[in-house]
Amino acid sequence: MKASELRSKTVEELNQELVSLLKAKFGLKMQLSTQQSNKTSELGKLRRDIARVKTLIREKAAQ
């Protein structure tokens, strides 16, 4: 997910995106812990996407 795509969204849309990313992260962590998946790199990508969304939410709140 690119920051330029996220910048065009509103705060409400960013919050919805954040919730869906957190759910995806939880699901992936559960799959990794039960050894149903071996996509360990996906966890890092999700964490970066979550940080990107949180940063943009804070930027828009400061304006």
Protein backbone atom coordinates (compact mmCIF):
# COMPACT_ATOMS: atom_id res chain seq x y z
CA MET A 1 0.00 0.00 0.00
CA LYS A 2 1.42 3.36 -1.01
CA ALA A 3 1.25 6.52 1.06
CA SER A 4 0.03 8.47 -1.98
CA GLU A 5 -3.04 6.21 -2.15
CA LEU A 6 -3.72 6.75 1.53
CA ARG A 7 -3.32 10.54 1.41
CA SER A 8 -6.41 10.84 -0.78
CA LYS A 9 -8.60 9.14 1.84
CA THR A 10 -10.51 10.84 4.63
CA VAL A 11 -9.86 10.24 8.32
CA GLU A 12 -12.90 7.96 8.57
CA GLU A 13 -11.68 5.85 5.65
CA LEU A 14 -8.21 5.70 7.21
CA ASN A 15 -9.71 4.49 10.49
CA GLN A 16 -11.59 1.76 8.64
CA GLU A 17 -8.38 0.79 6.85
CA LEU A 18 -6.57 0.67 10.19
CA VAL A 19 -9.18 -1.67 11.68
CA SER A 20 -8.97 -4.02 8.71
CA LEU A 21 -5.16 -4.05 8.86
CA LEU A 22 -5.21 -4.82 12.58
CA LYS A 23 -7.63 -7.71 11.97
CA ALA A 24 -5.39 -9.03 9.20
CA LYS A 25 -2.37 -8.78 11.49
CA PHE A 26 -4.16 -10.70 14.22
CA GLY A 27 -5.22 -13.41 11.79
CA LEU A 28 -1.72 -13.76 10.41
CA LYS A 29 -0.19 -13.93 13.88
CA MET A 30 -2.61 -16.71 14.79
CA GLN A 31 -1.77 -18.62 11.61
CA LEU A 32 1.95 -18.27 12.27
CA SER A 33 1.61 -19.39 15.87
CA THR A 34 -0.32 -22.51 14.89
CA GLN A 35 2.08 -23.14 11.98
CA GLN A 36 -0.68 -22.96 9.38
CA SER A 37 1.29 -20.39 7.40
CA ASN A 38 4.94 -19.64 6.74
CA LYS A 39 4.54 -16.11 5.36
CA THR A 40 6.63 -14.39 8.01
CA SER A 41 7.48 -11.48 5.72
CA GLU A 42 3.79 -10.55 5.50
CA LEU A 43 3.80 -9.64 9.18
CA GLY A 44 6.45 -6.98 8.61
CA LYS A 45 4.54 -5.56 5.65
CA LEU A 46 1.36 -5.33 7.71
CA ARG A 47 3.19 -3.61 10.56
CA ARG A 48 4.61 -1.01 8.16
CA ASP A 49 1.19 -0.43 6.58
CA ILE A 50 -0.34 0.05 10.05
CA ALA A 51 2.35 2.56 10.94
CA ARG A 52 1.79 4.37 7.64
CA VAL A 53 -1.94 4.67 8.27
CA LYS A 54 -1.46 5.84 11.87
CA THR A 55 1.01 8.48 10.73
CA LEU A 56 -1.41 9.85 8.16
CA ILE A 57 -4.24 9.91 10.71
CA ARG A 58 -2.03 11.98 13.05
CA GLU A 59 -1.01 14.30 10.19
CA LYS A 60 -4.63 14.95 9.22
CA ALA A 61 -5.62 15.52 12.86
CA ALA A 62 -2.89 18.15 13.27
CA GLN A 63 -4.19 20.20 10.34
